[in-house]
Amino acid sequence: ILNQLKTLGIDKNTFVFFTSDNGAATYRGAYAGNNGPLLCGKETTYEGGMREPGIAWWPGLIEPGRVTHQLANIMDLFTTALSIAGVKPPKDRIIDGIDLSDTLFNTASTNTKRPIWYYRGNELMAVRYGQYKAHYWMWTEFGKDPLKFTFCPGQYVQNVTVHDQCDHSAQPILFNIDRDPGEKFMIGPKSAEYKTAMSAISPIVEYHRKTMVKGKPSLNYCDNSVQNWAPPGCEELGYCLPIPPSKPKLCYWDH
């Protein structure tokens, strides 16, 4: 794709951002990819499930090889794209993403301590704030054998990778992600570091819970009719499948 942009002569007028919607699907074994030192994989709220690469490219405007510690998520790309295009965000709704333009083009950090929320369904599982990540719930997957984690193959951290849903809301499990990206070494709740970090995180979480307006999740409904029954070109092959009638139903999501 990048070579084609160069061939067309539009590479210096095109913003490219490479990322993913989740970490590698480790439950698929050798076909899944690798999350390196990060814990677990897709379908978990550990770093291996939620943390993805973020690579920005725009020759002449983005300095090659530069690294930023700005915390960001995919929702920020919407707000950033509007800014690049000179379009103001809509005012009739809450926009969760922030504009990353300063970070990308001016070598400045927009807000390294903006919170990143880790949800599973409607449940707030964890929050990342600065170098710290606090887990309010922990859950890896179903099962009883602690050595058989399909979402965390070969990884077992006592009291962290757990089959039962564990509520730690009263005393969240805290990690320093900068020095422990694999989430293996919990910070002791009696330590000064824990108390200082949680004194900053707790009011942010409390405000988030009080002020968040929940929308109607579009992915909470299952409907077989929206699957790709007739992809482009199926007519030539004579193999277009008939589309079933639309019967949306509420999906069941664990937790």
Protein backbone atom coordinates (compact mmCIF):
# COMPACT_ATOMS: atom_id res chain seq x y z
CA ILE A 1 0.00 0.00 0.00
CA LEU A 2 2.78 2.43 0.90
CA ASN A 3 4.59 1.69 -2.36
CA GLN A 4 1.39 2.36 -4.29
CA LEU A 5 0.96 5.71 -2.54
CA LYS A 6 4.49 6.60 -3.67
CA THR A 7 3.78 5.41 -7.21
CA LEU A 8 0.68 7.61 -7.36
CA GLY A 9 2.65 10.54 -5.96
CA ILE A 10 0.29 11.10 -3.03
CA ASP A 11 2.47 9.70 -0.23
CA LYS A 12 3.31 13.19 1.08
CA ASN A 13 -0.37 14.05 1.27
CA THR A 14 -1.59 10.88 2.97
CA PHE A 15 -1.76 10.04 6.67
CA VAL A 16 -1.31 6.31 7.37
CA PHE A 17 -1.80 4.66 10.74
CA PHE A 18 -1.11 0.97 11.34
CA THR A 19 -2.72 -0.73 14.33
CA SER A 20 -5.08 -3.57 15.29
CA ASP A 21 -8.36 -4.00 17.13
CA ASN A 22 -6.90 -6.40 19.71
CA GLY A 23 -3.84 -8.43 20.60
CA ALA A 24 -3.04 -11.76 18.97
CA ALA A 25 -5.71 -14.46 19.34
CA THR A 26 -3.49 -16.81 21.33
CA TYR A 27 -6.21 -19.46 21.59
CA ARG A 28 -5.57 -20.22 17.90
CA GLY A 29 -2.13 -21.58 18.70
CA ALA A 30 0.49 -21.38 15.97
CA TYR A 31 -1.88 -19.44 13.69
CA ALA A 32 -2.44 -16.67 16.23
CA GLY A 33 0.65 -14.54 16.25
CA ASN A 34 2.67 -13.59 19.32
CA ASN A 35 2.14 -10.95 22.00
CA GLY A 36 5.75 -11.04 23.14
CA PRO A 37 6.16 -10.26 26.86
CA LEU A 38 2.54 -9.14 27.27
CA LEU A 39 0.15 -11.29 29.31
CA CYS A 40 -2.53 -13.42 27.59
CA GLY A 41 -4.29 -12.50 24.35
CA LYS A 42 -7.49 -11.54 22.58
CA GLU A 43 -10.72 -11.77 24.63
CA THR A 44 -8.94 -10.79 27.86
CA THR A 45 -8.35 -7.36 29.39
CA TYR A 46 -4.72 -8.06 30.14
CA GLU A 47 -2.12 -6.21 28.07
CA GLY A 48 -1.81 -9.07 25.56
CA GLY A 49 -5.49 -8.76 24.78
CA MET A 50 -5.86 -4.99 24.58
CA ARG A 51 -2.48 -3.48 23.71
CA GLU A 52 -1.64 -3.13 20.02
CA PRO A 53 1.08 -1.59 17.88
CA GLY A 54 0.58 1.98 16.77
CA ILE A 55 2.68 3.16 13.81
CA ALA A 56 2.06 6.52 12.17
CA TRP A 57 3.45 7.44 8.72
CA TRP A 58 3.37 10.67 6.78
CA PRO A 59 6.61 11.57 4.93
CA GLY A 60 7.71 15.11 5.60
CA LEU A 61 5.36 15.62 8.53
CA ILE A 62 6.04 12.72 10.91
CA GLU A 63 9.65 12.25 11.93
CA PRO A 64 10.84 8.68 11.12
CA GLY A 65 11.88 6.49 14.04
CA ARG A 66 10.44 8.71 16.75
CA VAL A 67 8.80 7.01 19.75
CA THR A 68 6.13 8.55 21.98
CA HIS A 69 4.75 7.38 25.32
CA GLN A 70 1.39 8.99 24.61
CA LEU A 71 -1.47 6.71 25.69
CA ALA A 72 -3.97 6.38 22.86
CA ASN A 73 -6.76 4.19 21.55
CA ILE A 74 -8.47 3.64 18.22
CA MET A 75 -11.22 6.14 19.08
CA ASP A 76 -8.56 8.86 18.95
CA LEU A 77 -8.09 8.25 15.21
CA PHE A 78 -11.58 9.65 14.53
CA THR A 79 -10.87 12.91 16.35
CA THR A 80 -7.37 13.14 14.89
CA ALA A 81 -8.62 12.56 11.33
CA LEU A 82 -11.17 15.37 11.76
CA SER A 83 -8.41 17.69 12.93
CA ILE A 84 -6.17 16.81 9.97
CA ALA A 85 -9.06 17.47 7.59
CA GLY A 86 -9.89 20.77 9.28
CA VAL A 87 -13.30 19.55 10.41
CA LYS A 88 -14.67 20.33 13.88
CA PRO A 89 -16.06 17.39 15.92
CA PRO A 90 -19.85 17.27 16.27
CA LYS A 91 -21.27 19.03 19.32
CA ASP A 92 -24.46 17.00 19.69
CA ARG A 93 -22.77 13.97 21.25
CA ILE A 94 -19.91 12.99 23.53
CA ILE A 95 -16.70 12.28 21.62
CA ASP A 96 -14.40 9.97 23.55
CA GLY A 97 -11.31 10.28 21.37
CA ILE A 98 -8.68 13.00 21.75
CA ASP A 99 -6.76 14.81 19.01
CA LEU A 100 -3.26 13.32 18.66
CA SER A 101 -2.04 15.93 16.17
CA ASP A 102 0.41 17.57 18.58
CA THR A 103 1.92 14.21 19.44
CA LEU A 104 2.21 13.16 15.79
CA PHE A 105 3.40 16.37 14.16
CA ASN A 106 4.84 18.62 16.87
CA THR A 107 6.75 16.05 18.97
CA ALA A 108 4.69 17.10 21.99
CA SER A 109 2.79 14.82 24.33
CA THR A 110 -0.92 15.59 24.33
CA ASN A 111 -1.77 13.98 27.65
CA THR A 112 0.25 10.98 28.78
CA LYS A 113 -1.94 10.57 31.86
CA ARG A 114 -5.29 10.39 30.09
CA PRO A 115 -7.10 7.26 31.31
CA ILE A 116 -7.57 4.20 29.10
CA TRP A 117 -10.59 2.08 30.06
CA TYR A 118 -10.62 -1.71 29.74
CA TYR A 119 -14.16 -3.05 29.47
CA ARG A 120 -15.63 -6.50 29.10
CA GLY A 121 -19.26 -6.00 28.09
CA ASN A 122 -20.63 -3.35 30.45
CA GLU A 123 -18.17 -4.15 33.23
CA LEU A 124 -15.15 -1.94 33.85
CA MET A 125 -12.37 -4.47 34.25
CA ALA A 126 -9.33 -2.20 34.51
CA VAL A 127 -7.98 1.28 33.88
CA ARG A 128 -4.58 2.45 32.68
CA TYR A 129 -3.41 5.82 33.97
CA GLY A 130 0.13 6.93 33.27
CA GLN A 131 2.50 4.10 34.06
CA TYR A 132 -0.02 2.25 36.24
CA LYS A 133 -2.83 -0.19 35.49
CA ALA A 134 -5.44 -1.06 38.11
CA HIS A 135 -7.53 -4.22 37.70
CA TYR A 136 -11.00 -4.02 39.26
CA TRP A 137 -12.00 -7.44 37.94
CA MET A 138 -9.88 -10.38 36.83
CA TRP A 139 -10.97 -13.23 34.63
CA THR A 140 -9.22 -15.25 32.01
CA GLU A 141 -11.66 -17.92 30.84
CA PHE A 142 -13.81 -20.87 31.82
CA GLY A 143 -12.31 -24.06 33.22
CA LYS A 144 -10.80 -25.44 36.38
CA ASP A 145 -7.25 -26.46 35.44
CA PRO A 146 -4.94 -23.45 36.03
CA LEU A 147 -2.41 -24.90 33.57
CA LYS A 148 -4.87 -25.04 30.67
CA PHE A 149 -5.40 -21.44 29.65
CA THR A 150 -6.19 -21.21 25.96
CA PHE A 151 -6.23 -17.40 26.12
CA CYS A 152 -2.91 -17.38 28.02
CA PRO A 153 -1.01 -20.43 26.69
CA GLY A 154 2.09 -21.16 28.71
CA GLN A 155 1.40 -18.25 31.05
CA TYR A 156 0.32 -18.65 34.65
CA VAL A 157 0.55 -15.86 37.19
CA GLN A 158 -0.80 -16.77 40.62
CA ASN A 159 -3.95 -14.81 41.54
CA VAL A 160 -3.81 -13.00 38.19
CA THR A 161 -4.65 -15.51 35.46
CA VAL A 162 -7.81 -16.93 36.99
CA HIS A 163 -10.73 -19.03 35.73
CA ASP A 164 -13.26 -17.59 38.16
CA GLN A 165 -14.48 -14.01 37.92
CA CYS A 166 -12.71 -12.20 40.75
CA ASP A 167 -13.99 -8.86 41.99
CA HIS A 168 -11.15 -6.65 43.25
CA SER A 169 -13.14 -3.42 43.28
CA ALA A 170 -12.58 -2.91 47.01
CA GLN A 171 -8.80 -3.18 46.57
CA PRO A 172 -7.75 -3.15 42.90
CA ILE A 173 -4.76 -5.16 41.71
CA LEU A 174 -2.10 -2.67 40.62
CA PHE A 175 0.81 -3.05 38.19
CA ASN A 176 3.48 -0.64 36.98
CA ILE A 177 3.19 -1.32 33.24
CA ASP A 178 6.35 0.62 32.38
CA ARG A 179 8.60 -1.72 34.32
CA ASP A 180 6.31 -4.77 34.30
CA PRO A 181 4.46 -4.94 30.94
CA GLY A 182 3.79 -8.64 31.50
CA GLU A 183 1.66 -7.92 34.60
CA LYS A 184 3.50 -10.46 36.71
CA PHE A 185 4.47 -8.48 39.79
CA MET A 186 1.63 -6.94 41.79
CA ILE A 187 2.37 -3.78 43.75
CA GLY A 188 1.71 -4.40 47.44
CA PRO A 189 -1.43 -2.58 48.66
CA LYS A 190 0.36 -1.44 51.80
CA SER A 191 3.22 0.17 49.88
CA ALA A 192 3.61 3.91 49.43
CA GLU A 193 3.67 3.41 45.65
CA TYR A 194 0.26 1.69 45.70
CA LYS A 195 -1.31 4.34 47.91
CA THR A 196 0.05 7.19 45.81
CA ALA A 197 -1.03 5.65 42.51
CA MET A 198 -4.52 4.70 43.70
CA SER A 199 -5.07 8.12 45.24
CA ALA A 200 -4.85 9.46 41.68
CA ILE A 201 -6.72 6.62 39.95
CA SER A 202 -9.67 6.16 42.32
CA PRO A 203 -11.27 9.60 41.89
CA ILE A 204 -10.90 9.33 38.10
CA VAL A 205 -12.70 5.98 38.10
CA GLU A 206 -15.41 7.28 40.43
CA TYR A 207 -16.02 10.31 38.19
CA HIS A 208 -16.06 8.10 35.09
CA ARG A 209 -18.71 5.81 36.57
CA LYS A 210 -20.88 8.71 37.70
CA THR A 211 -20.77 10.68 34.46
CA MET A 212 -20.62 8.03 31.73
CA VAL A 213 -23.75 7.88 29.60
CA LYS A 214 -24.15 4.34 28.28
CA GLY A 215 -25.23 4.02 24.69
CA LYS A 216 -26.97 1.09 23.05
CA PRO A 217 -24.18 -1.33 22.08
CA SER A 218 -24.58 -2.27 18.42
CA LEU A 219 -22.53 -5.44 18.94
CA ASN A 220 -24.90 -6.74 21.60
CA TYR A 221 -27.32 -7.93 18.93
CA CYS A 222 -26.77 -10.98 16.75
CA ASP A 223 -28.37 -11.22 13.31
CA ASN A 224 -27.42 -13.88 10.78
CA SER A 225 -28.71 -11.76 7.91
CA VAL A 226 -25.84 -9.27 8.22
CA GLN A 227 -23.19 -11.87 7.44
CA ASN A 228 -21.57 -11.67 4.03
CA TRP A 229 -23.77 -14.17 2.17
CA ALA A 230 -23.22 -12.63 -1.25
CA PRO A 231 -19.69 -11.18 -1.50
CA PRO A 232 -18.66 -9.28 -4.65
CA GLY A 233 -17.95 -11.66 -7.50
CA CYS A 234 -20.23 -14.43 -6.28
CA GLU A 235 -22.49 -13.89 -9.30
CA GLU A 236 -19.69 -14.85 -11.68
CA LEU A 237 -19.11 -18.02 -9.71
CA GLY A 238 -22.81 -18.76 -9.47
CA TYR A 239 -22.42 -19.16 -5.74
CA CYS A 240 -24.31 -16.37 -4.03
CA LEU A 241 -26.03 -17.69 -0.94
CA PRO A 242 -29.61 -16.60 -0.20
CA ILE A 243 -29.76 -14.03 2.58
CA PRO A 244 -31.96 -15.20 5.49
CA PRO A 245 -34.58 -12.84 6.93
CA SER A 246 -33.38 -10.38 9.54
CA LYS A 247 -34.12 -11.58 13.08
CA PRO A 248 -31.94 -9.62 15.48
CA LYS A 249 -31.68 -11.03 18.97
CA LEU A 250 -29.81 -10.04 22.09
CA CYS A 251 -26.50 -11.88 22.21
CA TYR A 252 -25.23 -13.46 25.37
CA TRP A 253 -21.83 -12.19 26.47
CA ASP A 254 -20.22 -13.64 29.57
CA HIS A 255 -19.66 -11.08 32.35
